[in-house]
Protein backbone atom coordinates (compact mmCIF):
# COMPACT_ATOMS: atom_id res chain seq x y z
CA UNK A 1 0.00 0.00 0.00
CA UNK A 2 1.59 3.22 -1.06
CA UNK A 3 1.07 6.07 1.36
CA UNK A 4 3.42 8.44 -0.46
CA UNK A 5 1.85 11.74 -1.45
CA UNK A 6 -1.08 11.23 0.90
CA UNK A 7 -1.29 12.94 4.27
CA UNK A 8 -4.15 12.74 6.73
CA UNK A 9 -3.96 15.27 9.55
CA UNK A 10 -5.73 14.18 12.74
CA UNK A 11 -6.35 16.59 15.55
CA UNK A 12 -7.51 16.57 19.14
CA UNK A 13 -8.04 20.33 19.36
CA UNK A 14 -11.40 21.56 20.62
CA UNK A 15 -13.64 22.78 17.82
CA UNK A 16 -11.90 20.92 14.98
CA UNK A 17 -14.36 18.02 15.02
CA UNK A 18 -16.24 15.83 17.44
CA UNK A 19 -14.48 12.88 19.07
CA UNK A 20 -15.59 9.65 17.46
CA UNK A 21 -15.50 10.92 13.88
CA UNK A 22 -15.22 8.39 11.05
CA UNK A 23 -13.12 8.58 7.91
CA UNK A 24 -13.29 6.15 4.98
CA UNK A 25 -10.11 5.82 2.93
CA UNK A 26 -10.05 4.04 -0.45
CA UNK A 27 -6.84 2.05 -0.81
CA UNK A 28 -5.14 -0.86 -2.50
CA UNK A 29 -3.01 -3.68 -1.08
CA UNK A 30 -5.01 -3.84 2.14
CA UNK A 31 -3.64 -7.33 2.93
CA UNK A 32 -0.07 -6.00 2.98
CA UNK A 33 -1.12 -3.07 5.18
CA UNK A 34 -2.89 -5.38 7.64
CA UNK A 35 0.18 -7.65 7.75
CA UNK A 36 2.39 -4.61 8.41
CA UNK A 37 0.23 -3.60 11.37
CA UNK A 38 0.07 -7.17 12.70
CA UNK A 39 3.87 -7.46 12.55
CA UNK A 40 4.18 -4.56 15.00
CA UNK A 41 2.62 -6.78 17.70
CA UNK A 42 0.59 -4.04 19.35
CA UNK A 43 -1.15 -5.60 22.32
CA UNK A 44 -4.60 -4.03 21.82
CA UNK A 45 -4.50 -3.05 18.17
CA UNK A 46 -4.91 -6.00 15.82
CA UNK A 47 -7.29 -4.96 13.05
CA UNK A 48 -8.74 -7.59 10.76
CA UNK A 49 -10.10 -7.33 7.23
CA UNK A 50 -13.83 -7.81 6.79
CA UNK A 51 -15.63 -8.82 3.59
CA UNK A 52 -18.52 -6.38 3.38
CA UNK A 53 -21.94 -7.25 1.85
CA UNK A 54 -21.55 -4.44 -0.72
CA UNK A 55 -18.36 -5.98 -2.11
CA UNK A 56 -15.52 -4.08 -0.44
CA UNK A 57 -12.91 -5.39 1.95
CA UNK A 58 -12.65 -3.09 4.98
CA UNK A 59 -10.21 -2.75 7.85
CA UNK A 60 -11.08 -0.34 10.66
CA UNK A 61 -8.68 1.06 13.23
CA UNK A 62 -9.26 3.61 15.99
CA UNK A 63 -6.83 6.39 16.68
CA UNK A 64 -5.95 7.38 20.27
CA UNK A 65 -8.78 9.95 20.27
CA UNK A 66 -11.53 7.44 19.39
CA UNK A 67 -11.85 8.34 15.71
CA UNK A 68 -12.50 5.45 13.29
CA UNK A 69 -10.31 5.13 10.23
CA UNK A 70 -11.73 2.60 7.77
CA UNK A 71 -9.49 1.51 4.93
CA UNK A 72 -11.49 0.02 2.05
CA UNK A 73 -10.36 -1.95 -0.99
C-alpha atoms as a PDB file:
ATOM      1  CA  UNK A   1       0.000   0.000   0.000  1.00  0.00           C
ATOM      2  CA  UNK A   2       1.594   3.217  -1.057  1.00  0.00           C
ATOM      3  CA  UNK A   3       1.073   6.068   1.358  1.00  0.00           C
ATOM      4  CA  UNK A   4       3.417   8.439  -0.457  1.00  0.00           C
ATOM      5  CA  UNK A   5       1.848  11.736  -1.452  1.00  0.00           C
ATOM      6  CA  UNK A   6      -1.083  11.233   0.899  1.00  0.00           C
ATOM      7  CA  UNK A   7      -1.290  12.943   4.265  1.00  0.00           C
ATOM      8  CA  UNK A   8      -4.154  12.739   6.726  1.00  0.00           C
ATOM      9  CA  UNK A   9      -3.959  15.265   9.545  1.00  0.00           C
ATOM     10  CA  UNK A  10      -5.728  14.178  12.739  1.00  0.00           C
ATOM     11  CA  UNK A  11      -6.348  16.588  15.555  1.00  0.00           C
ATOM     12  CA  UNK A  12      -7.512  16.573  19.141  1.00  0.00           C
ATOM     13  CA  UNK A  13      -8.040  20.326  19.357  1.00  0.00           C
ATOM     14  CA  UNK A  14     -11.396  21.559  20.621  1.00  0.00           C
ATOM     15  CA  UNK A  15     -13.638  22.784  17.823  1.00  0.00           C
ATOM     16  CA  UNK A  16     -11.902  20.922  14.981  1.00  0.00           C
ATOM     17  CA  UNK A  17     -14.358  18.019  15.022  1.00  0.00           C
ATOM     18  CA  UNK A  18     -16.244  15.827  17.436  1.00  0.00           C
ATOM     19  CA  UNK A  19     -14.484  12.879  19.074  1.00  0.00           C
ATOM     20  CA  UNK A  20     -15.594   9.647  17.464  1.00  0.00           C
ATOM     21  CA  UNK A  21     -15.497  10.915  13.878  1.00  0.00           C
ATOM     22  CA  UNK A  22     -15.224   8.392  11.048  1.00  0.00           C
ATOM     23  CA  UNK A  23     -13.117   8.583   7.907  1.00  0.00           C
ATOM     24  CA  UNK A  24     -13.294   6.152   4.982  1.00  0.00           C
ATOM     25  CA  UNK A  25     -10.107   5.821   2.927  1.00  0.00           C
ATOM     26  CA  UNK A  26     -10.048   4.037  -0.449  1.00  0.00           C
ATOM     27  CA  UNK A  27      -6.843   2.055  -0.810  1.00  0.00           C
ATOM     28  CA  UNK A  28      -5.140  -0.862  -2.504  1.00  0.00           C
ATOM     29  CA  UNK A  29      -3.010  -3.684  -1.083  1.00  0.00           C
ATOM     30  CA  UNK A  30      -5.014  -3.844   2.140  1.00  0.00           C
ATOM     31  CA  UNK A  31      -3.644  -7.329   2.927  1.00  0.00           C
ATOM     32  CA  UNK A  32      -0.074  -5.997   2.983  1.00  0.00           C
ATOM     33  CA  UNK A  33      -1.121  -3.071   5.179  1.00  0.00           C
ATOM     34  CA  UNK A  34      -2.894  -5.383   7.639  1.00  0.00           C
ATOM     35  CA  UNK A  35       0.178  -7.648   7.748  1.00  0.00           C
ATOM     36  CA  UNK A  36       2.394  -4.614   8.407  1.00  0.00           C
ATOM     37  CA  UNK A  37       0.228  -3.598  11.372  1.00  0.00           C
ATOM     38  CA  UNK A  38       0.074  -7.175  12.703  1.00  0.00           C
ATOM     39  CA  UNK A  39       3.875  -7.462  12.549  1.00  0.00           C
ATOM     40  CA  UNK A  40       4.183  -4.564  14.996  1.00  0.00           C
ATOM     41  CA  UNK A  41       2.622  -6.783  17.704  1.00  0.00           C
ATOM     42  CA  UNK A  42       0.586  -4.044  19.350  1.00  0.00           C
ATOM     43  CA  UNK A  43      -1.146  -5.601  22.319  1.00  0.00           C
ATOM     44  CA  UNK A  44      -4.600  -4.030  21.822  1.00  0.00           C
ATOM     45  CA  UNK A  45      -4.496  -3.050  18.165  1.00  0.00           C
ATOM     46  CA  UNK A  46      -4.912  -5.998  15.818  1.00  0.00           C
ATOM     47  CA  UNK A  47      -7.290  -4.963  13.047  1.00  0.00           C
ATOM     48  CA  UNK A  48      -8.741  -7.587  10.756  1.00  0.00           C
ATOM     49  CA  UNK A  49     -10.099  -7.333   7.229  1.00  0.00           C
ATOM     50  CA  UNK A  50     -13.835  -7.812   6.793  1.00  0.00           C
ATOM     51  CA  UNK A  51     -15.630  -8.824   3.593  1.00  0.00           C
ATOM     52  CA  UNK A  52     -18.518  -6.381   3.378  1.00  0.00           C
ATOM     53  CA  UNK A  53     -21.939  -7.248   1.854  1.00  0.00           C
ATOM     54  CA  UNK A  54     -21.554  -4.438  -0.719  1.00  0.00           C
ATOM     55  CA  UNK A  55     -18.356  -5.976  -2.113  1.00  0.00           C
ATOM     56  CA  UNK A  56     -15.521  -4.080  -0.440  1.00  0.00           C
ATOM     57  CA  UNK A  57     -12.911  -5.391   1.953  1.00  0.00           C
ATOM     58  CA  UNK A  58     -12.648  -3.090   4.976  1.00  0.00           C
ATOM     59  CA  UNK A  59     -10.206  -2.748   7.846  1.00  0.00           C
ATOM     60  CA  UNK A  60     -11.077  -0.337  10.658  1.00  0.00           C
ATOM     61  CA  UNK A  61      -8.682   1.061  13.229  1.00  0.00           C
ATOM     62  CA  UNK A  62      -9.259   3.613  15.988  1.00  0.00           C
ATOM     63  CA  UNK A  63      -6.832   6.394  16.679  1.00  0.00           C
ATOM     64  CA  UNK A  64      -5.945   7.381  20.270  1.00  0.00           C
ATOM     65  CA  UNK A  65      -8.780   9.954  20.275  1.00  0.00           C
ATOM     66  CA  UNK A  66     -11.528   7.444  19.395  1.00  0.00           C
ATOM     67  CA  UNK A  67     -11.853   8.344  15.707  1.00  0.00           C
ATOM     68  CA  UNK A  68     -12.502   5.448  13.293  1.00  0.00           C
ATOM     69  CA  UNK A  69     -10.312   5.127  10.229  1.00  0.00           C
ATOM     70  CA  UNK A  70     -11.734   2.602   7.770  1.00  0.00           C
ATOM     71  CA  UNK A  71      -9.492   1.510   4.933  1.00  0.00           C
ATOM     72  CA  UNK A  72     -11.486   0.020   2.047  1.00  0.00           C
ATOM     73  CA  UNK A  73     -10.364  -1.945  -0.988  1.00  0.00           C
END
